[in-house]
Amino acid sequence: MNTILFNSIWVLPLLTVLACALIPASYSKTLRTIHVASATLVLGIVCYLTYSVYALSGTPSDPAAAPLVLRFFTDIPWLTVFNAHYIVGADGLNMLLLALTAFIVWAGVLVSLHIKGNQKIFFALIQLLATSVYGVYMSFDLVLFFVFYEMEALCMYLMIACYGSGKRDYGGKKLTLTLAFGSSMILATLFGLFFESGANSWNLIEIAKTTLPMDFQMWAFPLMFMGFAVSSSLFPFHFWSPDGHSAAPTAVSMLAAGVMMKMGAYGCLRVAMFLMPEAAKIWLPYVVALLIFNVVLGPFIAIRHKDLKYITAYSSISHLGLIFLGLAALTPIGLRGASLQMISHGFLTGLFFATIGMIYERTHTRDITEMGGIMRKMPFLGVGFVLAGFAGLGLPGFSGFIAESTIFIGAFQQDSTLTRIVTILAILSITTTAVYILQTANRMLHGALPQKYENLTDGTFREKLVIVVLVACLLFIGVCPGWISELLDQSIAPIFAKISSAGL
């Protein structure tokens, strides 16, 4: 039964789209109700299955020799001409990312109930985007993985170009073309993996049992790693993110920053590092040098901007850099911290972009210099934004504190001098983060209230519900991180086992 429920995670959003295709666009209330019900149902299923995986999991007794254990495993022949199978399964890491996705999709649907334009198409695109992301996290066949991975780029472009604001066509094209460039690098290495492994299979688990030739790994690993890193805005492929987020509607920004950008980091860890650990040991120290931009210069650029979405986008680039710092540490604690940061940052950016969208709906501007004193009229939304800022600072009690502290500890365990220097710079950059967050909150929430904002209203019930749920998730992870660490450890152990044995 649980296996059926697991497979329904990506099927239900797709069935929702097909069912709503039969309903005329004029029945907007009915369409909204169906999409909210669908997102809520998937969220319930994912939460139940996440608890089930946790109940079945245990801490590996020997992390250096732990096997990959998948729950709800399904293997069905699919494209037999390519020897591709429909292979899905669950472990702690992908189950937590599925839970993150389900929460963000649910929140994105709720905040978009009154979006302007053709709501039927908009919600269909959200569900298709959800299908894509769910499929990526569930897949253990590389062809299936890539098909789902490619779906999201088209959905993102259509949603930004048709429902965005500002330079939406430019932002949508820039995002799509950059992601397509990254995907082309991934595709090239996938063919190489199939032929060089000798496994005659696209099965990630089977390929992992082979030892790939070192001359192949030396060119394939950096190509695949950077291909995935494009989605996660690793320097120098970060440039699509600010313009894409700025032009995107609220739900798309939440989904892009909250879950889509984690797909890249997930691919780096689950595919590139797991299958090519020898090359990972050689190349990842060089990746650390790139992080100087992400974790140090990113916050300084955020200080210069006045647009709320640009500020949050550069904040995301900085926080995503910490994920790569944890990956580059190549220690169990570093990998755990990187995985925790994926979850934490997903909820954080979801909350940030949700509150920004709610404020924009009322003020019709994202320029903080045109705001001031709006906390008096929107106290709940203002508090939500401030709490998101506190979480972004990594204050104790929030998930960011646990995730970032774990990354820093794991990075310091690495003997590399460069890694330790970048880690120190990352810790010091928290001060810069405090500057742009406090500056932004002070300019927009306090001071004299412009007369044009005298009639502003606070959040509605559904908006308050979204904020409360996302804040609760950040606090829950920050206060009770033990169970998440246990779930992640059983997923990280097989990857670390491959890395630790590489070159022996």
Protein backbone atom coordinates (compact mmCIF):
# COMPACT_ATOMS: atom_id res chain seq x y z
CA MET A 1 0.00 0.00 0.00
CA ASN A 2 2.80 2.42 0.89
CA THR A 3 4.50 1.68 -2.42
CA ILE A 4 1.33 2.69 -4.26
CA LEU A 5 1.08 5.86 -2.20
CA PHE A 6 4.72 6.67 -2.94
CA ASN A 7 4.21 6.35 -6.68
CA SER A 8 1.08 8.49 -6.44
CA ILE A 9 3.16 11.48 -5.29
CA TRP A 10 4.06 12.50 -8.84
CA VAL A 11 1.00 10.91 -10.48
CA LEU A 12 -1.63 12.86 -8.49
CA PRO A 13 -0.54 16.34 -9.70
CA LEU A 14 -0.54 15.03 -13.27
CA LEU A 15 -4.02 13.52 -12.87
CA THR A 16 -5.19 16.83 -11.40
CA VAL A 17 -4.08 18.62 -14.57
CA LEU A 18 -5.89 16.09 -16.76
CA ALA A 19 -9.07 16.31 -14.67
CA CYS A 20 -9.07 20.11 -14.72
CA ALA A 21 -8.53 20.13 -18.48
CA LEU A 22 -12.16 19.02 -18.80
CA ILE A 23 -13.44 21.96 -16.71
CA PRO A 24 -14.03 25.33 -18.46
CA ALA A 25 -11.74 28.16 -17.36
CA SER A 26 -14.79 30.18 -16.31
CA TYR A 27 -15.30 27.78 -13.37
CA SER A 28 -12.35 29.34 -11.59
CA LYS A 29 -13.60 28.65 -8.05
CA THR A 30 -14.03 24.94 -8.81
CA LEU A 31 -10.57 24.78 -10.38
CA ARG A 32 -8.98 26.48 -7.37
CA THR A 33 -10.72 24.09 -4.98
CA ILE A 34 -9.49 21.05 -6.90
CA HIS A 35 -5.90 22.28 -6.99
CA VAL A 36 -5.88 23.14 -3.28
CA ALA A 37 -7.35 19.72 -2.47
CA SER A 38 -4.79 17.97 -4.67
CA ALA A 39 -1.83 19.82 -3.13
CA THR A 40 -3.16 19.15 0.36
CA LEU A 41 -3.65 15.44 -0.38
CA VAL A 42 -0.11 15.06 -1.72
CA LEU A 43 1.24 16.92 1.31
CA GLY A 44 -0.59 14.52 3.61
CA ILE A 45 0.72 11.47 1.73
CA VAL A 46 4.30 12.75 1.78
CA CYS A 47 4.19 13.56 5.51
CA TYR A 48 2.84 10.07 6.26
CA LEU A 49 5.49 8.36 4.12
CA THR A 50 8.26 10.50 5.61
CA TYR A 51 7.24 9.31 9.07
CA SER A 52 7.10 5.73 7.77
CA VAL A 53 10.66 5.96 6.42
CA TYR A 54 11.82 7.44 9.73
CA ALA A 55 10.16 4.64 11.69
CA LEU A 56 11.93 2.05 9.52
CA SER A 57 15.33 3.76 9.48
CA GLY A 58 18.26 3.33 11.79
CA THR A 59 21.68 4.88 12.20
CA PRO A 60 24.29 2.92 10.22
CA SER A 61 26.62 1.00 12.52
CA ASP A 62 29.46 1.37 10.03
CA PRO A 63 29.11 4.51 7.87
CA ALA A 64 32.16 3.50 5.85
CA ALA A 65 30.45 0.36 4.57
CA ALA A 66 26.75 1.20 4.62
CA PRO A 67 24.64 0.01 1.66
CA LEU A 68 21.99 2.11 -0.08
CA VAL A 69 18.62 1.01 1.33
CA LEU A 70 15.51 2.15 -0.53
CA ARG A 71 11.92 1.92 0.71
CA PHE A 72 8.87 1.63 -1.56
CA PHE A 73 11.14 0.37 -4.35
CA THR A 74 9.60 -0.01 -7.82
CA ASP A 75 11.35 -1.32 -10.93
CA ILE A 76 9.29 -1.60 -14.14
CA PRO A 77 10.70 -1.84 -17.71
CA TRP A 78 9.95 1.42 -19.49
CA LEU A 79 11.86 2.32 -22.68
CA THR A 80 13.13 -1.14 -23.52
CA VAL A 81 14.88 0.03 -26.67
CA PHE A 82 17.17 2.13 -24.43
CA ASN A 83 17.10 -0.39 -21.57
CA ALA A 84 15.60 2.35 -19.39
CA HIS A 85 13.39 1.38 -16.47
CA TYR A 86 10.89 3.15 -14.25
CA ILE A 87 12.89 2.91 -11.02
CA VAL A 88 11.82 4.88 -7.94
CA GLY A 89 12.50 4.49 -4.26
CA ALA A 90 12.76 6.41 -0.99
CA ASP A 91 15.44 7.02 1.58
CA GLY A 92 15.82 9.77 4.15
CA LEU A 93 17.29 12.43 1.86
CA ASN A 94 14.86 12.29 -1.01
CA MET A 95 11.89 11.78 1.34
CA LEU A 96 12.72 15.01 3.18
CA LEU A 97 13.13 16.85 -0.12
CA LEU A 98 9.77 15.49 -1.24
CA ALA A 99 8.25 16.80 2.00
CA LEU A 100 9.85 20.21 1.40
CA THR A 101 8.46 20.25 -2.14
CA ALA A 102 4.97 19.27 -0.99
CA PHE A 103 4.91 22.09 1.58
CA ILE A 104 6.14 24.70 -0.93
CA VAL A 105 3.71 23.56 -3.64
CA TRP A 106 0.83 23.68 -1.16
CA ALA A 107 1.87 27.16 0.00
CA GLY A 108 2.40 28.35 -3.57
CA VAL A 109 -1.09 27.27 -4.59
CA LEU A 110 -2.64 29.04 -1.59
CA VAL A 111 -0.88 32.36 -2.20
CA SER A 112 -1.85 32.29 -5.89
CA LEU A 113 -5.61 31.79 -5.57
CA HIS A 114 -6.33 35.28 -6.91
CA ILE A 115 -3.58 35.56 -9.53
CA LYS A 116 -4.52 37.59 -12.58
CA GLY A 117 -4.82 35.92 -15.96
CA ASN A 118 -5.91 32.44 -16.99
CA GLN A 119 -5.94 30.61 -13.68
CA LYS A 120 -6.66 27.26 -15.30
CA ILE A 121 -3.36 27.30 -17.19
CA PHE A 122 -1.41 28.79 -14.28
CA PHE A 123 -2.41 26.10 -11.80
CA ALA A 124 -1.89 23.41 -14.44
CA LEU A 125 1.69 24.65 -14.86
CA ILE A 126 2.23 24.61 -11.07
CA GLN A 127 1.08 20.99 -10.95
CA LEU A 128 3.29 20.04 -13.90
CA LEU A 129 6.24 21.74 -12.22
CA ALA A 130 5.43 19.82 -9.04
CA THR A 131 5.30 16.59 -11.04
CA SER A 132 8.74 17.36 -12.44
CA VAL A 133 10.35 18.07 -9.08
CA TYR A 134 8.73 15.08 -7.35
CA GLY A 135 9.94 12.86 -10.19
CA VAL A 136 13.53 14.07 -9.94
CA TYR A 137 13.74 13.30 -6.23
CA MET A 138 12.07 9.89 -6.61
CA SER A 139 14.01 8.58 -9.64
CA PHE A 140 16.89 6.12 -9.54
CA ASP A 141 17.03 5.52 -13.29
CA LEU A 142 19.12 8.19 -15.01
CA VAL A 143 16.90 8.45 -18.09
CA LEU A 144 13.80 8.87 -15.93
CA PHE A 145 15.71 11.33 -13.75
CA PHE A 146 16.71 13.44 -16.76
CA VAL A 147 13.20 13.46 -18.27
CA PHE A 148 11.74 14.83 -15.04
CA TYR A 149 14.69 17.22 -14.67
CA GLU A 150 14.02 18.76 -18.08
CA MET A 151 10.28 19.25 -17.53
CA GLU A 152 10.74 22.04 -15.03
CA ALA A 153 12.58 24.44 -17.37
CA LEU A 154 9.67 24.70 -19.83
CA CYS A 155 7.12 25.15 -17.03
CA MET A 156 9.25 27.86 -15.43
CA TYR A 157 9.57 29.80 -18.68
CA LEU A 158 5.85 29.71 -19.42
CA MET A 159 4.90 30.78 -15.90
CA ILE A 160 7.37 33.68 -15.85
CA ALA A 161 6.72 34.87 -19.41
CA CYS A 162 2.92 34.68 -19.11
CA TYR A 163 2.28 35.60 -15.47
CA GLY A 164 5.38 37.49 -14.33
CA SER A 165 6.11 41.19 -13.99
CA GLY A 166 8.78 43.62 -15.17
CA LYS A 167 11.19 42.14 -17.72
CA ARG A 168 9.37 38.82 -17.62
CA ASP A 169 10.24 37.66 -21.14
CA TYR A 170 13.91 38.51 -20.61
CA GLY A 171 13.96 36.89 -17.17
CA GLY A 172 12.19 33.78 -18.40
CA LYS A 173 14.48 33.32 -21.40
CA LYS A 174 17.60 33.95 -19.36
CA LEU A 175 16.54 31.34 -16.80
CA THR A 176 15.53 28.75 -19.39
CA LEU A 177 18.60 29.11 -21.62
CA THR A 178 20.98 28.95 -18.67
CA LEU A 179 19.30 25.84 -17.29
CA ALA A 180 19.33 24.30 -20.78
CA PHE A 181 23.08 24.89 -20.94
CA GLY A 182 23.51 23.04 -17.66
CA SER A 183 21.26 20.22 -18.85
CA SER A 184 23.35 19.76 -22.01
CA MET A 185 26.43 19.18 -19.84
CA ILE A 186 24.54 16.63 -17.76
CA LEU A 187 23.22 14.80 -20.82
CA ALA A 188 26.69 14.44 -22.31
CA THR A 189 27.98 12.77 -19.15
CA LEU A 190 24.92 10.51 -18.80
CA PHE A 191 25.73 8.85 -22.14
CA GLY A 192 29.31 8.46 -20.99
CA LEU A 193 28.19 6.83 -17.74
CA PHE A 194 26.08 4.30 -19.62
CA PHE A 195 28.87 3.17 -21.94
CA GLU A 196 31.88 3.49 -19.62
CA SER A 197 30.31 1.68 -16.67
CA GLY A 198 29.82 -1.54 -18.61
CA ALA A 199 26.63 -2.17 -16.62
CA ASN A 200 24.43 -1.84 -19.73
CA SER A 201 21.97 -0.04 -17.48
CA TRP A 202 20.81 3.44 -16.53
CA ASN A 203 20.12 2.19 -13.00
CA LEU A 204 21.94 4.50 -10.58
CA ILE A 205 22.39 1.68 -8.06
CA GLU A 206 23.90 -0.70 -10.62
CA ILE A 207 26.26 1.91 -12.05
CA ALA A 208 27.42 2.73 -8.50
CA LYS A 209 28.60 -0.87 -8.13
CA THR A 210 31.10 -0.38 -10.96
CA THR A 211 34.39 1.50 -10.92
CA LEU A 212 34.46 4.03 -13.72
CA PRO A 213 37.78 4.60 -15.56
CA MET A 214 39.75 7.45 -14.04
CA ASP A 215 40.39 9.17 -17.36
CA PHE A 216 36.60 9.28 -17.88
CA GLN A 217 35.92 10.56 -14.38
CA MET A 218 38.42 13.40 -14.75
CA TRP A 219 36.43 15.08 -17.51
CA ALA A 220 32.94 13.76 -16.73
CA PHE A 221 32.78 14.75 -13.06
CA PRO A 222 33.44 18.50 -13.47
CA LEU A 223 31.10 18.60 -16.48
CA MET A 224 28.27 16.86 -14.63
CA PHE A 225 28.86 18.63 -11.32
CA MET A 226 28.86 22.08 -12.91
CA GLY A 227 25.86 21.12 -15.04
CA PHE A 228 23.88 20.43 -11.90
CA ALA A 229 25.42 23.43 -10.12
CA VAL A 230 23.90 25.76 -12.74
CA SER A 231 20.49 25.12 -11.16
CA SER A 232 21.89 25.97 -7.73
CA SER A 233 23.47 29.27 -8.84
CA LEU A 234 27.08 28.31 -8.16
CA PHE A 235 29.43 31.04 -9.41
CA PRO A 236 29.92 31.77 -12.32
CA PHE A 237 26.48 30.37 -13.31
CA HIS A 238 24.52 32.44 -10.81
CA PHE A 239 23.46 35.23 -13.19
CA TRP A 240 20.06 33.76 -14.14
CA SER A 241 18.75 33.75 -10.59
CA PRO A 242 18.23 37.47 -9.73
CA ASP A 243 16.53 38.34 -13.04
CA GLY A 244 14.47 35.14 -13.04
CA HIS A 245 13.22 35.66 -9.48
CA SER A 246 12.53 39.34 -10.07
CA ALA A 247 10.28 38.64 -13.05
CA ALA A 248 8.55 35.56 -11.63
CA PRO A 249 5.14 35.54 -9.89
CA THR A 250 5.19 34.74 -6.18
CA ALA A 251 4.48 31.01 -6.42
CA VAL A 252 7.15 30.54 -9.10
CA SER A 253 9.76 32.35 -7.00
CA MET A 254 8.83 30.12 -4.05
CA LEU A 255 9.13 26.97 -6.14
CA ALA A 256 12.30 28.05 -7.96
CA ALA A 257 14.23 29.10 -4.87
CA GLY A 258 12.58 26.67 -2.48
CA VAL A 259 12.82 23.40 -4.39
CA MET A 260 14.07 23.75 -7.97
CA MET A 261 17.46 25.17 -6.96
CA LYS A 262 17.88 22.20 -4.58
CA MET A 263 17.56 19.81 -7.53
CA GLY A 264 21.00 20.87 -8.70
CA ALA A 265 22.67 20.31 -5.33
CA TYR A 266 20.81 17.01 -5.00
CA GLY A 267 22.12 15.90 -8.41
CA CYS A 268 25.66 16.86 -7.43
CA LEU A 269 25.45 14.71 -4.32
CA ARG A 270 23.27 11.81 -5.46
CA VAL A 271 24.65 11.34 -8.97
CA ALA A 272 28.00 13.07 -9.58
CA MET A 273 29.68 12.45 -6.22
CA PHE A 274 28.13 9.02 -5.70
CA LEU A 275 29.14 7.64 -9.09
CA MET A 276 32.53 9.38 -9.49
CA PRO A 277 34.02 9.65 -5.98
CA GLU A 278 37.66 9.48 -7.08
CA ALA A 279 37.27 12.55 -9.30
CA ALA A 280 35.22 14.26 -6.59
CA LYS A 281 38.19 14.11 -4.26
CA ILE A 282 40.36 15.76 -6.88
CA TRP A 283 37.99 18.42 -8.23
CA LEU A 284 35.96 19.56 -5.20
CA PRO A 285 38.85 21.48 -3.58
CA TYR A 286 38.80 23.72 -6.66
CA VAL A 287 35.05 24.28 -6.24
CA VAL A 288 35.79 25.79 -2.82
CA ALA A 289 37.55 28.70 -4.54
CA LEU A 290 34.35 29.52 -6.45
CA LEU A 291 32.46 29.76 -3.18
CA ILE A 292 34.24 32.97 -2.25
CA PHE A 293 31.80 34.77 -4.53
CA ASN A 294 28.73 32.92 -3.30
CA VAL A 295 29.28 33.17 0.44
CA VAL A 296 31.31 36.41 0.66
CA LEU A 297 30.51 38.70 -2.29
CA GLY A 298 26.86 37.67 -2.60
CA PRO A 299 25.79 39.44 0.63
CA PHE A 300 27.68 42.61 -0.36
CA ILE A 301 25.79 42.72 -3.66
CA ALA A 302 22.51 42.22 -1.76
CA ILE A 303 23.28 45.34 0.32
CA ARG A 304 23.43 47.47 -2.84
CA HIS A 305 20.01 46.45 -4.15
CA LYS A 306 16.69 48.08 -3.31
CA ASP A 307 14.38 45.52 -4.93
CA LEU A 308 13.15 42.95 -2.39
CA LYS A 309 13.38 40.06 -4.84
CA TYR A 310 16.92 40.94 -5.91
CA ILE A 311 17.95 41.15 -2.27
CA THR A 312 16.44 37.75 -1.56
CA ALA A 313 17.91 36.26 -4.74
CA TYR A 314 21.46 37.26 -3.78
CA SER A 315 20.77 36.07 -0.26
CA SER A 316 19.83 32.70 -1.75
CA ILE A 317 23.02 32.60 -3.81
CA SER A 318 24.98 33.11 -0.59
CA HIS A 319 23.10 30.42 1.34
CA LEU A 320 23.31 27.95 -1.54
CA GLY A 321 27.07 28.45 -1.52
CA LEU A 322 27.08 26.96 1.97
CA ILE A 323 25.54 23.77 0.56
CA PHE A 324 28.52 23.39 -1.79
CA LEU A 325 30.90 24.14 1.07
CA GLY A 326 29.40 21.20 2.95
CA LEU A 327 29.67 18.97 -0.13
CA ALA A 328 33.27 19.99 -0.75
CA ALA A 329 34.20 19.13 2.83
CA LEU A 330 33.82 15.43 1.92
CA THR A 331 33.14 14.50 5.54
CA PRO A 332 29.99 12.85 6.96
CA ILE A 333 29.20 15.95 9.02
CA GLY A 334 29.76 18.24 6.03
CA LEU A 335 27.49 16.16 3.82
CA ARG A 336 24.85 16.08 6.54
CA GLY A 337 25.08 19.86 6.92
CA ALA A 338 24.74 20.37 3.16
CA SER A 339 21.64 18.17 3.13
CA LEU A 340 20.18 19.99 6.14
CA GLN A 341 20.83 23.30 4.41
CA MET A 342 18.87 22.11 1.36
CA ILE A 343 15.83 21.55 3.57
CA SER A 344 16.31 24.65 5.71
CA HIS A 345 16.92 27.02 2.81
CA GLY A 346 13.88 25.65 0.98
CA PHE A 347 11.53 26.65 3.78
CA LEU A 348 13.40 29.93 4.35
CA THR A 349 13.15 31.16 0.75
CA GLY A 350 9.58 29.91 0.52
CA LEU A 351 8.72 32.14 3.48
CA PHE A 352 10.72 35.09 2.16
CA PHE A 353 9.17 35.08 -1.30
CA ALA A 354 5.67 34.41 0.07
CA THR A 355 5.79 37.49 2.32
CA ILE A 356 7.37 39.60 -0.42
CA GLY A 357 4.59 38.60 -2.79
CA MET A 358 1.90 39.43 -0.23
CA ILE A 359 3.45 42.85 0.41
CA TYR A 360 3.81 43.51 -3.33
CA GLU A 361 0.13 42.72 -3.91
CA ARG A 362 -0.76 45.57 -1.56
CA THR A 363 1.96 48.17 -2.22
CA HIS A 364 2.53 47.40 -5.95
CA THR A 365 6.25 47.95 -5.47
CA ARG A 366 9.26 45.96 -4.32
CA ASP A 367 11.49 49.03 -3.96
CA ILE A 368 12.28 49.40 -0.25
CA THR A 369 13.04 53.12 -0.70
CA GLU A 370 9.38 53.69 -1.63
CA MET A 371 8.11 51.98 1.50
CA GLY A 372 8.21 52.83 5.17
CA GLY A 373 6.10 52.31 8.23
CA ILE A 374 4.01 49.56 6.66
CA MET A 375 4.31 47.47 9.82
CA ARG A 376 1.54 49.67 11.26
CA LYS A 377 -0.89 48.54 8.60
CA MET A 378 0.39 44.99 8.06
CA PRO A 379 1.74 43.79 11.41
CA PHE A 380 1.31 40.08 10.66
CA LEU A 381 3.03 40.23 7.27
CA GLY A 382 5.74 42.43 8.77
CA VAL A 383 6.41 39.95 11.56
CA GLY A 384 6.50 37.14 8.99
CA PHE A 385 9.17 38.99 7.00
CA VAL A 386 11.20 39.72 10.14
CA LEU A 387 11.07 36.07 11.20
CA ALA A 388 12.27 35.07 7.74
CA GLY A 389 15.14 37.52 8.23
CA PHE A 390 16.01 36.03 11.61
CA ALA A 391 15.99 32.55 10.07
CA GLY A 392 18.22 33.81 7.25
CA LEU A 393 20.68 35.10 9.84
CA GLY A 394 20.90 31.61 11.29
CA LEU A 395 19.75 32.60 14.75
CA PRO A 396 19.52 29.74 17.30
CA GLY A 397 16.09 28.16 17.34
CA PHE A 398 15.72 28.31 13.56
CA SER A 399 16.75 25.60 11.11
CA GLY A 400 19.49 27.72 9.58
CA PHE A 401 21.52 27.69 12.80
CA ILE A 402 21.62 23.89 12.88
CA ALA A 403 22.35 23.54 9.16
CA GLU A 404 25.05 26.19 8.95
CA SER A 405 26.76 25.12 12.18
CA THR A 406 26.91 21.55 10.91
CA ILE A 407 28.44 22.72 7.61
CA PHE A 408 31.07 24.83 9.39
CA ILE A 409 32.05 21.93 11.68
CA GLY A 410 32.25 19.53 8.75
CA ALA A 411 34.30 21.99 6.70
CA PHE A 412 36.78 22.55 9.54
CA GLN A 413 37.34 18.79 9.68
CA GLN A 414 38.83 19.06 6.20
CA ASP A 415 42.62 19.50 6.28
CA SER A 416 42.59 21.89 3.31
CA THR A 417 43.80 25.39 4.24
CA LEU A 418 41.66 26.95 1.49
CA THR A 419 38.54 25.21 2.77
CA ARG A 420 39.16 26.49 6.28
CA ILE A 421 39.81 30.04 5.04
CA VAL A 422 36.58 30.05 3.03
CA THR A 423 34.75 28.65 6.05
CA ILE A 424 36.03 31.49 8.23
CA LEU A 425 35.00 34.00 5.57
CA ALA A 426 31.56 32.38 5.41
CA ILE A 427 31.16 32.71 9.17
CA LEU A 428 32.24 36.36 9.06
CA SER A 429 29.82 37.05 6.19
CA ILE A 430 26.95 36.51 8.64
CA THR A 431 27.65 40.10 9.75
CA THR A 432 27.09 41.30 6.18
CA THR A 433 23.90 39.26 6.03
CA ALA A 434 22.70 41.01 9.17
CA VAL A 435 23.34 44.38 7.53
CA TYR A 436 21.14 43.86 4.46
CA ILE A 437 18.39 42.06 6.36
CA LEU A 438 18.14 44.68 9.13
CA GLN A 439 18.51 47.52 6.61
CA THR A 440 15.71 46.10 4.47
CA ALA A 441 13.38 45.45 7.40
CA ASN A 442 14.00 48.91 8.87
CA ARG A 443 13.39 50.79 5.60
CA MET A 444 10.19 49.02 4.64
CA LEU A 445 8.57 48.35 7.99
CA HIS A 446 9.47 51.35 10.15
CA GLY A 447 9.56 55.11 9.85
CA ALA A 448 6.95 57.45 8.42
CA LEU A 449 4.07 55.81 6.55
CA PRO A 450 3.54 57.29 3.06
CA GLN A 451 0.04 58.61 2.57
CA LYS A 452 -0.60 56.25 -0.37
CA TYR A 453 -0.35 53.30 2.02
CA GLU A 454 -2.97 54.51 4.49
CA ASN A 455 -5.51 51.96 3.23
CA LEU A 456 -3.24 48.91 3.31
CA THR A 457 -4.70 45.73 4.80
CA ASP A 458 -3.02 42.92 6.68
CA GLY A 459 -2.82 39.31 5.53
CA THR A 460 -5.92 37.23 4.90
CA PHE A 461 -6.54 33.95 6.70
CA ARG A 462 -4.98 31.82 3.94
CA GLU A 463 -1.92 34.11 3.80
CA LYS A 464 -1.51 33.95 7.55
CA LEU A 465 -1.86 30.17 7.39
CA VAL A 466 0.97 29.93 4.86
CA ILE A 467 3.25 32.10 7.01
CA VAL A 468 2.44 30.20 10.21
CA VAL A 469 3.08 26.80 8.60
CA LEU A 470 6.40 27.83 7.02
CA VAL A 471 7.62 29.50 10.23
CA ALA A 472 6.57 26.41 12.20
CA CYS A 473 8.63 24.21 9.86
CA LEU A 474 11.71 26.42 10.33
CA LEU A 475 11.30 26.33 14.11
CA PHE A 476 10.52 22.62 14.25
CA ILE A 477 13.69 21.72 12.35
CA GLY A 478 15.71 24.15 14.46
CA VAL A 479 14.41 22.89 17.81
CA CYS A 480 14.13 19.16 16.98
CA PRO A 481 16.86 18.42 14.40
CA GLY A 482 17.73 14.95 15.70
CA TRP A 483 15.15 12.99 13.74
CA ILE A 484 16.11 14.72 10.49
CA SER A 485 19.79 14.00 11.12
CA GLU A 486 18.95 10.32 11.61
CA LEU A 487 17.04 10.25 8.33
CA LEU A 488 19.86 11.97 6.48
CA ASP A 489 22.62 9.81 7.96
CA GLN A 490 21.19 6.63 6.44
CA SER A 491 21.21 8.35 3.01
CA ILE A 492 24.62 9.98 3.34
CA ALA A 493 26.39 6.86 4.61
CA PRO A 494 26.46 5.02 1.22
CA ILE A 495 27.75 8.14 -0.53
CA PHE A 496 30.46 8.68 2.10
CA ALA A 497 31.34 4.99 1.92
CA LYS A 498 32.05 5.38 -1.80
CA ILE A 499 34.08 8.54 -1.23
CA SER A 500 36.08 7.16 1.70
CA SER A 501 37.00 4.00 -0.22
CA ALA A 502 37.85 5.88 -3.42
CA GLY A 503 41.46 5.54 -4.42
CA LEU A 504 42.16 2.74 -1.96
